[in-house]
Amino acid sequence: MGELRNCPTCNDFFNYTGIRDVCAKCANIEEQQYETVYKFLRKRENRAANIERICEVTGTKESLLHKWVRKGRLQPAMFPNLGYPCDNCGKLTTSGKLCENCTSNLKADLRTFDAAKDFRDKVANQDKGTFHTDRK
């Protein structure tokens, strides 16, 4: 059973079942816009168009293009200038939630944190020594 939600586009109520995040009316409008964008991109001379150009020619919102790329409906392999914004810096990426630069920075920070933690553990273990004395 679905839950009752407001459509983020038109603010009408709809039954959310996990398949669509908008109402049926807005989903039909989005599908028509997708067809328009896809027809535009199928032409050889338009395959290298960037997001701003696609929005200008087709009248589609930039957020919809990002949504379609994120869901895999528009493949960046076929259309090289498409992508969606990185969740951290906003630079366009084609996979994951973070761009390559943010991913490498995060990995470097994690390596630094792990090295510091290993060093702290090593120092703490050095202080735990057992000393024996001769008692006669």
C-alpha atoms as a PDB file:
ATOM      1  CA  MET A   1       0.000   0.000   0.000  1.00  0.00           C
ATOM      2  CA  GLY A   2       1.334   3.421  -0.896  1.00  0.00           C
ATOM      3  CA  GLU A   3       1.400   6.556   1.160  1.00  0.00           C
ATOM      4  CA  LEU A   4      -0.257   9.871   0.428  1.00  0.00           C
ATOM      5  CA  ARG A   5       2.194  12.593  -0.620  1.00  0.00           C
ATOM      6  CA  ASN A   6       2.187  16.001  -2.218  1.00  0.00           C
ATOM      7  CA  CYS A   7       3.564  16.205  -5.740  1.00  0.00           C
ATOM      8  CA  PRO A   8       6.713  18.368  -5.616  1.00  0.00           C
ATOM      9  CA  THR A   9       5.856  19.885  -9.010  1.00  0.00           C
ATOM     10  CA  CYS A  10       2.158  20.784  -8.792  1.00  0.00           C
ATOM     11  CA  ASN A  11       1.495  20.230  -5.048  1.00  0.00           C
ATOM     12  CA  ASP A  12      -1.462  17.886  -5.709  1.00  0.00           C
ATOM     13  CA  PHE A  13      -1.940  14.754  -3.614  1.00  0.00           C
ATOM     14  CA  PHE A  14      -0.946  11.414  -5.100  1.00  0.00           C
ATOM     15  CA  ASN A  15      -0.466   7.840  -3.940  1.00  0.00           C
ATOM     16  CA  TYR A  16       3.304   7.283  -3.635  1.00  0.00           C
ATOM     17  CA  THR A  17       4.221   3.655  -4.277  1.00  0.00           C
ATOM     18  CA  GLY A  18       7.980   4.071  -4.686  1.00  0.00           C
ATOM     19  CA  ILE A  19       7.928   3.992  -8.480  1.00  0.00           C
ATOM     20  CA  ARG A  20       7.354   7.669  -9.313  1.00  0.00           C
ATOM     21  CA  ASP A  21       8.120  10.660  -7.153  1.00  0.00           C
ATOM     22  CA  VAL A  22       5.521  12.882  -8.886  1.00  0.00           C
ATOM     23  CA  CYS A  23       1.795  12.542  -9.604  1.00  0.00           C
ATOM     24  CA  ALA A  24       0.546  10.834 -12.771  1.00  0.00           C
ATOM     25  CA  LYS A  25      -0.235  14.138 -14.515  1.00  0.00           C
ATOM     26  CA  CYS A  26       3.268  15.509 -13.899  1.00  0.00           C
ATOM     27  CA  ALA A  27       4.801  12.144 -14.823  1.00  0.00           C
ATOM     28  CA  ASN A  28       3.100  12.346 -18.231  1.00  0.00           C
ATOM     29  CA  ILE A  29       4.406  15.890 -18.719  1.00  0.00           C
ATOM     30  CA  GLU A  30       7.923  14.758 -17.735  1.00  0.00           C
ATOM     31  CA  GLU A  31       7.711  11.845 -20.172  1.00  0.00           C
ATOM     32  CA  GLN A  32       6.722  14.202 -23.004  1.00  0.00           C
ATOM     33  CA  GLN A  33       9.661  16.453 -22.109  1.00  0.00           C
ATOM     34  CA  TYR A  34      11.968  13.423 -22.051  1.00  0.00           C
ATOM     35  CA  GLU A  35      10.836  12.463 -25.549  1.00  0.00           C
ATOM     36  CA  THR A  36      11.535  16.022 -26.742  1.00  0.00           C
ATOM     37  CA  VAL A  37      15.026  15.996 -25.195  1.00  0.00           C
ATOM     38  CA  TYR A  38      15.813  12.533 -26.533  1.00  0.00           C
ATOM     39  CA  LYS A  39      14.707  13.487 -30.064  1.00  0.00           C
ATOM     40  CA  PHE A  40      16.950  16.555 -29.841  1.00  0.00           C
ATOM     41  CA  LEU A  41      19.943  14.505 -28.630  1.00  0.00           C
ATOM     42  CA  ARG A  42      19.516  11.734 -31.219  1.00  0.00           C
ATOM     43  CA  LYS A  43      20.592  14.089 -33.972  1.00  0.00           C
ATOM     44  CA  ARG A  44      24.309  13.685 -34.575  1.00  0.00           C
ATOM     45  CA  GLU A  45      25.068  17.414 -34.377  1.00  0.00           C
ATOM     46  CA  ASN A  46      23.333  17.733 -30.976  1.00  0.00           C
ATOM     47  CA  ARG A  47      25.002  14.823 -29.158  1.00  0.00           C
ATOM     48  CA  ALA A  48      27.755  17.030 -27.766  1.00  0.00           C
ATOM     49  CA  ALA A  49      25.337  19.713 -26.545  1.00  0.00           C
ATOM     50  CA  ASN A  50      25.792  20.835 -22.967  1.00  0.00           C
ATOM     51  CA  ILE A  51      23.011  21.053 -20.395  1.00  0.00           C
ATOM     52  CA  GLU A  52      22.433  24.789 -20.835  1.00  0.00           C
ATOM     53  CA  ARG A  53      21.995  24.370 -24.607  1.00  0.00           C
ATOM     54  CA  ILE A  54      19.569  21.457 -24.162  1.00  0.00           C
ATOM     55  CA  CYS A  55      17.490  23.468 -21.679  1.00  0.00           C
ATOM     56  CA  GLU A  56      17.483  26.468 -23.993  1.00  0.00           C
ATOM     57  CA  VAL A  57      16.343  24.529 -27.071  1.00  0.00           C
ATOM     58  CA  THR A  58      13.863  22.107 -25.480  1.00  0.00           C
ATOM     59  CA  GLY A  59      12.552  24.242 -22.609  1.00  0.00           C
ATOM     60  CA  THR A  60      13.220  21.450 -20.101  1.00  0.00           C
ATOM     61  CA  LYS A  61      14.351  22.236 -16.559  1.00  0.00           C
ATOM     62  CA  GLU A  62      17.967  21.532 -15.685  1.00  0.00           C
ATOM     63  CA  SER A  63      16.898  19.525 -12.618  1.00  0.00           C
ATOM     64  CA  LEU A  64      14.957  17.105 -14.850  1.00  0.00           C
ATOM     65  CA  LEU A  65      18.035  16.515 -17.009  1.00  0.00           C
ATOM     66  CA  HIS A  66      20.090  15.813 -13.884  1.00  0.00           C
ATOM     67  CA  LYS A  67      17.402  13.424 -12.662  1.00  0.00           C
ATOM     68  CA  TRP A  68      17.361  11.496 -15.962  1.00  0.00           C
ATOM     69  CA  VAL A  69      21.157  11.195 -16.044  1.00  0.00           C
ATOM     70  CA  ARG A  70      21.237  10.073 -12.393  1.00  0.00           C
ATOM     71  CA  LYS A  71      18.586   7.423 -13.084  1.00  0.00           C
ATOM     72  CA  GLY A  72      20.375   6.269 -16.246  1.00  0.00           C
ATOM     73  CA  ARG A  73      17.754   7.308 -18.772  1.00  0.00           C
ATOM     74  CA  LEU A  74      20.292   9.552 -20.513  1.00  0.00           C
ATOM     75  CA  GLN A  75      23.685   7.849 -20.767  1.00  0.00           C
ATOM     76  CA  PRO A  76      26.760  10.085 -20.434  1.00  0.00           C
ATOM     77  CA  ALA A  77      28.656   7.580 -22.614  1.00  0.00           C
ATOM     78  CA  MET A  78      26.382   8.487 -25.537  1.00  0.00           C
ATOM     79  CA  PHE A  79      26.074  12.183 -24.631  1.00  0.00           C
ATOM     80  CA  PRO A  80      29.453  13.246 -23.184  1.00  0.00           C
ATOM     81  CA  ASN A  81      28.487  16.686 -21.862  1.00  0.00           C
ATOM     82  CA  LEU A  82      25.708  15.412 -19.609  1.00  0.00           C
ATOM     83  CA  GLY A  83      26.014  14.785 -15.893  1.00  0.00           C
ATOM     84  CA  TYR A  84      24.575  15.774 -12.549  1.00  0.00           C
ATOM     85  CA  PRO A  85      26.021  17.898  -9.752  1.00  0.00           C
ATOM     86  CA  CYS A  86      28.325  16.456  -7.102  1.00  0.00           C
ATOM     87  CA  ASP A  87      26.656  16.434  -3.679  1.00  0.00           C
ATOM     88  CA  ASN A  88      29.704  18.107  -2.145  1.00  0.00           C
ATOM     89  CA  CYS A  89      31.015  20.745  -4.573  1.00  0.00           C
ATOM     90  CA  GLY A  90      28.418  20.939  -7.366  1.00  0.00           C
ATOM     91  CA  LYS A  91      30.799  20.001 -10.196  1.00  0.00           C
ATOM     92  CA  LEU A  92      29.216  17.758 -12.851  1.00  0.00           C
ATOM     93  CA  THR A  93      29.796  14.030 -12.409  1.00  0.00           C
ATOM     94  CA  THR A  94      28.507  10.963 -14.216  1.00  0.00           C
ATOM     95  CA  SER A  95      28.619   8.309 -11.507  1.00  0.00           C
ATOM     96  CA  GLY A  96      28.111   8.113  -7.784  1.00  0.00           C
ATOM     97  CA  LYS A  97      27.219  11.004  -5.545  1.00  0.00           C
ATOM     98  CA  LEU A  98      30.638  12.665  -5.489  1.00  0.00           C
ATOM     99  CA  CYS A  99      32.933  13.809  -8.302  1.00  0.00           C
ATOM    100  CA  GLU A 100      36.376  12.249  -8.731  1.00  0.00           C
ATOM    101  CA  ASN A 101      38.134  15.152  -6.988  1.00  0.00           C
ATOM    102  CA  CYS A 102      35.892  15.014  -3.900  1.00  0.00           C
ATOM    103  CA  THR A 103      36.189  11.220  -3.810  1.00  0.00           C
ATOM    104  CA  SER A 104      39.992  11.358  -3.875  1.00  0.00           C
ATOM    105  CA  ASN A 105      40.014  14.089  -1.186  1.00  0.00           C
ATOM    106  CA  LEU A 106      37.721  12.019   1.015  1.00  0.00           C
ATOM    107  CA  LYS A 107      39.891   8.920   0.554  1.00  0.00           C
ATOM    108  CA  ALA A 108      43.022  10.930   1.441  1.00  0.00           C
ATOM    109  CA  ASP A 109      41.326  12.278   4.567  1.00  0.00           C
ATOM    110  CA  LEU A 110      40.295   8.766   5.590  1.00  0.00           C
ATOM    111  CA  ARG A 111      43.850   7.463   5.078  1.00  0.00           C
ATOM    112  CA  THR A 112      45.177  10.329   7.230  1.00  0.00           C
ATOM    113  CA  PHE A 113      42.604   9.592   9.926  1.00  0.00           C
ATOM    114  CA  ASP A 114      43.450   5.870   9.894  1.00  0.00           C
ATOM    115  CA  ALA A 115      47.182   6.609  10.107  1.00  0.00           C
ATOM    116  CA  ALA A 116      46.641   8.951  13.048  1.00  0.00           C
ATOM    117  CA  LYS A 117      44.447   6.376  14.797  1.00  0.00           C
ATOM    118  CA  ASP A 118      47.070   3.644  14.269  1.00  0.00           C
ATOM    119  CA  PHE A 119      49.736   5.969  15.675  1.00  0.00           C
ATOM    120  CA  ARG A 120      47.617   6.782  18.762  1.00  0.00           C
ATOM    121  CA  ASP A 121      46.964   3.066  19.328  1.00  0.00           C
ATOM    122  CA  LYS A 122      50.671   2.280  18.987  1.00  0.00           C
ATOM    123  CA  VAL A 123      51.629   4.984  21.502  1.00  0.00           C
ATOM    124  CA  ALA A 124      48.949   3.788  23.930  1.00  0.00           C
ATOM    125  CA  ASN A 125      50.213   0.190  23.678  1.00  0.00           C
ATOM    126  CA  GLN A 126      53.820   1.274  24.333  1.00  0.00           C
ATOM    127  CA  ASP A 127      52.791   2.753  27.666  1.00  0.00           C
ATOM    128  CA  LYS A 128      51.313  -0.566  28.782  1.00  0.00           C
ATOM    129  CA  GLY A 129      54.493  -2.298  29.793  1.00  0.00           C
ATOM    130  CA  THR A 130      55.141  -4.765  32.572  1.00  0.00           C
ATOM    131  CA  PHE A 131      58.165  -4.164  34.730  1.00  0.00           C
ATOM    132  CA  HIS A 132      59.677  -6.928  36.862  1.00  0.00           C
ATOM    133  CA  THR A 133      62.053  -6.357  39.722  1.00  0.00           C
ATOM    134  CA  ASP A 134      64.263  -8.794  41.519  1.00  0.00           C
ATOM    135  CA  ARG A 135      63.250  -9.304  45.090  1.00  0.00           C
ATOM    136  CA  LYS A 136      65.566 -11.343  47.177  1.00  0.00           C
END
